[in-house]
Amino acid sequence: MKADRGAGFEAVFLDPVGQTVQQRWADAALAVAFEDLPPVSAFPAVPGRRWGPGLWWSATTGRHVAAGSNAMRIQLMALDRDPRVTGLAGRPVRLLWRNPRGQVRSWVPQLFARHTDGTALLADCPSHPDAGGERAMKAAEAVAEACAHIGWTYQRLAPLDDVLAANLKWLAGYRHPRNAGRPGLTAAVVEAFARPRPLIEGTEAVGDPIEVLPCVFHALWHGRLTAGLNTPLHERIPVGPQGWSDPKKGGAG
């Protein structure tokens, strides 16, 4: 497709009462809060696949987001922790366009993420680089063009490193506000790690690890504390304040 075809995209989505709406893509992108909409079509259930469609509870929005695969859940998890993200939705919009031969084509990106600056990301979450075959690649090219036309972004998100994904899964188990614990505990935890120190050392400085560790993990999930997440979490891993980078690990997560 050529760049001058960018204005020819249409959007199909469900309005708040469940009615199907078709609208110029540029108009819909400007006016519609896709992060608040349900999936425009259901995620397929593939027989024999270990992971099927389900829901992800988002700490960003306090609502459930539809997810169609384990690969998508992992990407939702990473975006849910991203401070630049303010809204998330699964499959909220179908894009329609005509290919150079005039044939109508369509694609439903798996994931929508709203950013703090009002722009958005449309994404697919392939389990491997070639997932979806030629049709997915051609659709990715078209959807990327549609997003570029309005100042948004489209990506086929690469799978996360196994260690990083495992660490995020662990911390995600403590993302709910209940893990902040009693009043004042989060402040005490943040203060304990104002100087970077091993996780267990700072935890024990605050109190009983059974009470304090959930709060530490909650603070790590929400970025109030920082640790390198590219190596497995363990009791001696260095933990520091927000924005701290462990020089021995070359970064933090």
Protein backbone atom coordinates (compact mmCIF):
# COMPACT_ATOMS: atom_id res chain seq x y z
CA MET A 1 0.00 0.00 0.00
CA LYS A 2 1.12 3.55 -0.64
CA ALA A 3 1.29 6.28 1.97
CA ASP A 4 -1.36 8.40 0.21
CA ARG A 5 -3.92 5.65 0.88
CA GLY A 6 -3.71 6.33 4.63
CA ALA A 7 -7.00 8.22 4.72
CA GLY A 8 -8.89 5.23 3.29
CA PHE A 9 -8.99 3.16 6.48
CA GLU A 10 -12.26 2.48 8.31
CA ALA A 11 -12.76 1.41 11.94
CA VAL A 12 -15.38 -1.04 13.19
CA PHE A 13 -16.09 -1.23 16.92
CA LEU A 14 -18.86 -1.76 19.46
CA ASP A 15 -20.38 1.29 21.12
CA PRO A 16 -21.11 1.33 24.89
CA VAL A 17 -24.49 -0.38 24.37
CA GLY A 18 -23.05 -3.11 22.14
CA GLN A 19 -24.09 -1.78 18.72
CA THR A 20 -21.65 -2.16 15.84
CA VAL A 21 -20.34 1.14 14.48
CA GLN A 22 -18.30 1.74 11.31
CA GLN A 23 -16.54 5.06 11.00
CA ARG A 24 -13.61 6.73 9.23
CA TRP A 25 -10.49 5.58 11.06
CA ALA A 26 -9.10 9.09 11.51
CA ASP A 27 -12.40 10.28 13.03
CA ALA A 28 -12.75 7.27 15.31
CA ALA A 29 -9.18 7.57 16.56
CA LEU A 30 -9.85 11.16 17.54
CA ALA A 31 -13.21 10.62 19.24
CA VAL A 32 -13.43 7.04 20.55
CA ALA A 33 -12.01 5.84 23.87
CA PHE A 34 -11.05 2.39 22.60
CA GLU A 35 -9.57 1.55 26.00
CA ASP A 36 -13.11 1.49 27.41
CA LEU A 37 -14.62 -0.78 24.75
CA PRO A 38 -15.18 -4.56 24.75
CA PRO A 39 -13.63 -6.81 22.09
CA VAL A 40 -15.14 -6.21 18.65
CA SER A 41 -14.91 -9.98 18.11
CA ALA A 42 -14.14 -12.85 20.42
CA PHE A 43 -10.68 -14.31 20.75
CA PRO A 44 -10.59 -17.72 19.07
CA ALA A 45 -10.26 -20.84 21.20
CA VAL A 46 -7.83 -23.23 19.51
CA PRO A 47 -8.32 -26.92 20.37
CA GLY A 48 -5.25 -28.52 21.90
CA ARG A 49 -3.60 -25.25 22.86
CA ARG A 50 -2.53 -25.11 26.50
CA TRP A 51 -3.52 -21.47 27.00
CA GLY A 52 -6.86 -20.12 25.85
CA PRO A 53 -8.80 -16.85 26.06
CA GLY A 54 -9.14 -15.31 29.50
CA LEU A 55 -9.00 -12.07 31.48
CA TRP A 56 -6.14 -10.02 32.90
CA TRP A 57 -6.88 -7.77 35.89
CA SER A 58 -5.16 -4.47 35.14
CA ALA A 59 -3.55 -2.52 37.97
CA THR A 60 -3.51 0.49 35.63
CA THR A 61 -7.27 0.61 35.08
CA GLY A 62 -8.70 -1.51 37.91
CA ARG A 63 -10.65 -3.50 35.30
CA HIS A 64 -10.30 -6.78 33.46
CA VAL A 65 -8.81 -6.86 29.96
CA ALA A 66 -9.64 -9.67 27.53
CA ALA A 67 -6.61 -11.72 26.50
CA GLY A 68 -6.47 -14.39 23.84
CA SER A 69 -3.22 -16.22 24.52
CA ASN A 70 -0.38 -16.64 26.97
CA ALA A 71 1.83 -14.49 24.73
CA MET A 72 -0.73 -11.69 24.90
CA ARG A 73 -1.09 -11.99 28.66
CA ILE A 74 2.66 -11.54 29.06
CA GLN A 75 2.61 -8.41 26.90
CA LEU A 76 -0.41 -7.07 28.81
CA MET A 77 1.53 -7.66 32.01
CA ALA A 78 4.49 -5.64 30.76
CA LEU A 79 2.30 -2.78 29.51
CA ASP A 80 0.28 -2.78 32.74
CA ARG A 81 3.52 -1.97 34.57
CA ASP A 82 4.57 0.76 32.11
CA PRO A 83 4.04 4.21 33.69
CA ARG A 84 3.38 5.69 30.23
CA VAL A 85 0.25 3.54 29.80
CA THR A 86 -3.10 4.82 31.08
CA GLY A 87 -5.55 2.41 29.43
CA LEU A 88 -5.64 -1.11 28.02
CA ALA A 89 -8.10 -3.13 25.95
CA GLY A 90 -8.18 -6.40 24.04
CA ARG A 91 -9.31 -6.37 20.39
CA PRO A 92 -11.45 -3.20 20.64
CA VAL A 93 -11.29 -2.25 16.94
CA ARG A 94 -11.27 -3.85 13.49
CA LEU A 95 -9.55 -1.96 10.69
CA LEU A 96 -10.84 -2.13 7.11
CA TRP A 97 -9.02 -1.06 3.95
CA ARG A 98 -8.67 -1.91 0.26
CA ASN A 99 -5.55 -3.48 -1.13
CA PRO A 100 -4.00 -2.22 -4.41
CA ARG A 101 -6.37 -4.51 -6.35
CA GLY A 102 -9.40 -2.91 -4.69
CA GLN A 103 -10.19 -5.92 -2.49
CA VAL A 104 -11.48 -5.22 1.04
CA ARG A 105 -9.16 -6.46 3.76
CA SER A 106 -9.54 -6.36 7.54
CA TRP A 107 -7.54 -7.01 10.69
CA VAL A 108 -8.24 -6.90 14.42
CA PRO A 109 -5.09 -6.05 16.39
CA GLN A 110 -4.94 -8.01 19.62
CA LEU A 111 -4.09 -5.18 21.95
CA PHE A 112 -4.73 -1.47 22.46
CA ALA A 113 -2.76 0.69 24.90
CA ARG A 114 -3.41 4.38 25.56
CA HIS A 115 -0.42 6.53 26.46
CA THR A 116 -0.21 9.49 28.83
CA ASP A 117 0.23 11.89 25.90
CA GLY A 118 -3.06 10.73 24.35
CA THR A 119 -1.47 8.70 21.57
CA ALA A 120 -1.91 4.94 21.45
CA LEU A 121 -0.34 1.63 20.54
CA LEU A 122 -2.07 -1.06 18.51
CA ALA A 123 -0.23 -4.35 18.80
CA ASP A 124 -0.23 -8.02 18.06
CA CYS A 125 1.49 -10.51 20.34
CA PRO A 126 2.94 -13.32 18.22
CA SER A 127 4.50 -16.25 20.05
CA HIS A 128 7.30 -16.32 17.44
CA PRO A 129 8.41 -13.92 14.66
CA ASP A 130 6.64 -15.74 11.81
CA ALA A 131 3.35 -16.38 13.62
CA GLY A 132 0.30 -15.69 11.45
CA GLY A 133 2.13 -16.17 8.16
CA GLU A 134 1.93 -13.92 5.11
CA ARG A 135 -1.55 -12.60 5.90
CA ALA A 136 -0.41 -11.34 9.31
CA MET A 137 2.66 -9.69 7.78
CA LYS A 138 0.61 -7.87 5.14
CA ALA A 139 -1.92 -6.81 7.78
CA ALA A 140 0.89 -5.56 10.01
CA GLU A 141 2.13 -3.35 7.17
CA ALA A 142 -1.34 -1.91 6.58
CA VAL A 143 -2.15 -1.34 10.26
CA ALA A 144 1.24 0.32 10.80
CA GLU A 145 0.35 2.70 7.95
CA ALA A 146 -3.07 3.42 9.47
CA CYS A 147 -1.49 4.21 12.83
CA ALA A 148 1.28 6.37 11.35
CA HIS A 149 -1.40 8.37 9.50
CA ILE A 150 -2.82 9.56 12.85
CA GLY A 151 0.37 9.70 14.93
CA TRP A 152 -0.09 6.34 16.68
CA THR A 153 2.11 3.24 16.64
CA TYR A 154 1.61 -0.38 15.61
CA GLN A 155 3.97 -3.18 16.68
CA ARG A 156 4.26 -6.93 16.54
CA LEU A 157 5.62 -7.21 20.07
CA ALA A 158 8.57 -9.56 20.44
CA PRO A 159 8.27 -12.19 23.20
CA LEU A 160 9.90 -11.17 26.47
CA ASP A 161 13.09 -12.81 27.68
CA ASP A 162 12.20 -15.85 29.80
CA VAL A 163 13.87 -14.54 32.97
CA LEU A 164 12.28 -11.10 32.67
CA ALA A 165 8.88 -12.67 32.00
CA ALA A 166 9.21 -14.94 35.04
CA ASN A 167 10.18 -12.01 37.27
CA LEU A 168 7.28 -9.90 36.02
CA LYS A 169 4.86 -12.79 36.57
CA TRP A 170 6.05 -13.04 40.17
CA LEU A 171 5.72 -9.31 40.82
CA ALA A 172 2.36 -9.21 39.03
CA GLY A 173 1.01 -11.51 41.72
CA TYR A 174 1.41 -8.57 44.10
CA ARG A 175 0.04 -5.80 41.83
CA HIS A 176 -3.30 -5.47 43.63
CA PRO A 177 -3.56 -2.55 46.13
CA ARG A 178 -4.26 -4.96 49.00
CA ASN A 179 -0.58 -5.90 48.96
CA ALA A 180 0.40 -2.39 50.00
CA GLY A 181 -0.48 -3.54 53.53
CA ARG A 182 -1.34 -1.47 56.54
CA PRO A 183 -1.20 2.35 56.47
CA GLY A 184 2.37 3.60 56.53
CA LEU A 185 3.95 0.31 55.46
CA THR A 186 4.74 1.39 51.90
CA ALA A 187 6.40 4.58 53.13
CA ALA A 188 8.51 2.53 55.57
CA VAL A 189 9.50 0.10 52.80
CA VAL A 190 10.49 2.89 50.41
CA GLU A 191 12.54 4.52 53.17
CA ALA A 192 14.27 1.22 53.97
CA PHE A 193 15.57 1.01 50.41
CA ALA A 194 16.47 4.69 50.02
CA ARG A 195 20.01 3.32 50.09
CA PRO A 196 20.28 0.26 47.79
CA ARG A 197 20.63 -2.96 49.76
CA PRO A 198 19.78 -6.68 49.44
CA LEU A 199 16.05 -7.39 49.29
CA ILE A 200 15.92 -9.46 52.47
CA GLU A 201 18.07 -7.00 54.41
CA GLY A 202 15.80 -4.05 53.70
CA THR A 203 12.71 -6.16 54.31
CA GLU A 204 13.86 -7.31 57.74
CA ALA A 205 14.76 -3.72 58.64
CA VAL A 206 11.06 -2.87 58.34
CA GLY A 207 9.60 -5.87 60.16
CA ASP A 208 8.41 -9.45 59.81
CA PRO A 209 9.12 -10.58 56.21
CA ILE A 210 5.76 -12.39 56.10
CA GLU A 211 4.05 -9.02 56.40
CA VAL A 212 6.62 -6.85 54.63
CA LEU A 213 7.59 -8.88 51.54
CA PRO A 214 4.20 -8.49 49.79
CA CYS A 215 4.55 -4.73 50.19
CA VAL A 216 8.11 -4.82 48.81
CA PHE A 217 6.97 -6.78 45.76
CA HIS A 218 4.01 -4.42 45.34
CA ALA A 219 6.39 -1.44 45.38
CA LEU A 220 8.67 -3.16 42.86
CA TRP A 221 5.73 -3.79 40.55
CA HIS A 222 4.58 -0.17 40.70
CA GLY A 223 8.08 1.29 40.33
CA ARG A 224 8.32 2.75 43.83
CA LEU A 225 11.38 0.51 44.21
CA THR A 226 13.77 -0.78 41.56
CA ALA A 227 15.69 -4.02 41.02
CA GLY A 228 17.43 -5.59 38.03
CA LEU A 229 14.84 -7.93 36.51
CA ASN A 230 17.05 -9.53 33.87
CA THR A 231 18.42 -11.97 36.44
CA PRO A 232 16.26 -14.21 38.64
CA LEU A 233 14.79 -12.57 41.74
CA HIS A 234 16.26 -13.89 44.99
CA GLU A 235 16.56 -12.75 48.59
CA ARG A 236 19.94 -11.06 48.08
CA ILE A 237 19.11 -9.18 44.88
CA PRO A 238 19.97 -5.47 45.27
CA VAL A 239 16.91 -3.24 45.58
CA GLY A 240 17.02 0.53 45.43
CA PRO A 241 14.80 3.60 45.16
CA GLN A 242 12.73 4.57 42.15
CA GLY A 243 14.96 5.15 39.12
CA TRP A 244 18.04 3.53 40.63
CA SER A 245 20.21 1.46 38.29
CA ASP A 246 22.40 -1.36 39.61
CA PRO A 247 25.85 -0.71 38.08
CA LYS A 248 26.76 -4.41 38.44
CA LYS A 249 23.77 -5.45 36.30
CA GLY A 250 23.90 -2.64 33.78
CA GLY A 251 20.38 -1.48 34.49
CA ALA A 252 17.19 -2.05 36.41
CA GLY A 253 13.61 -3.00 35.73
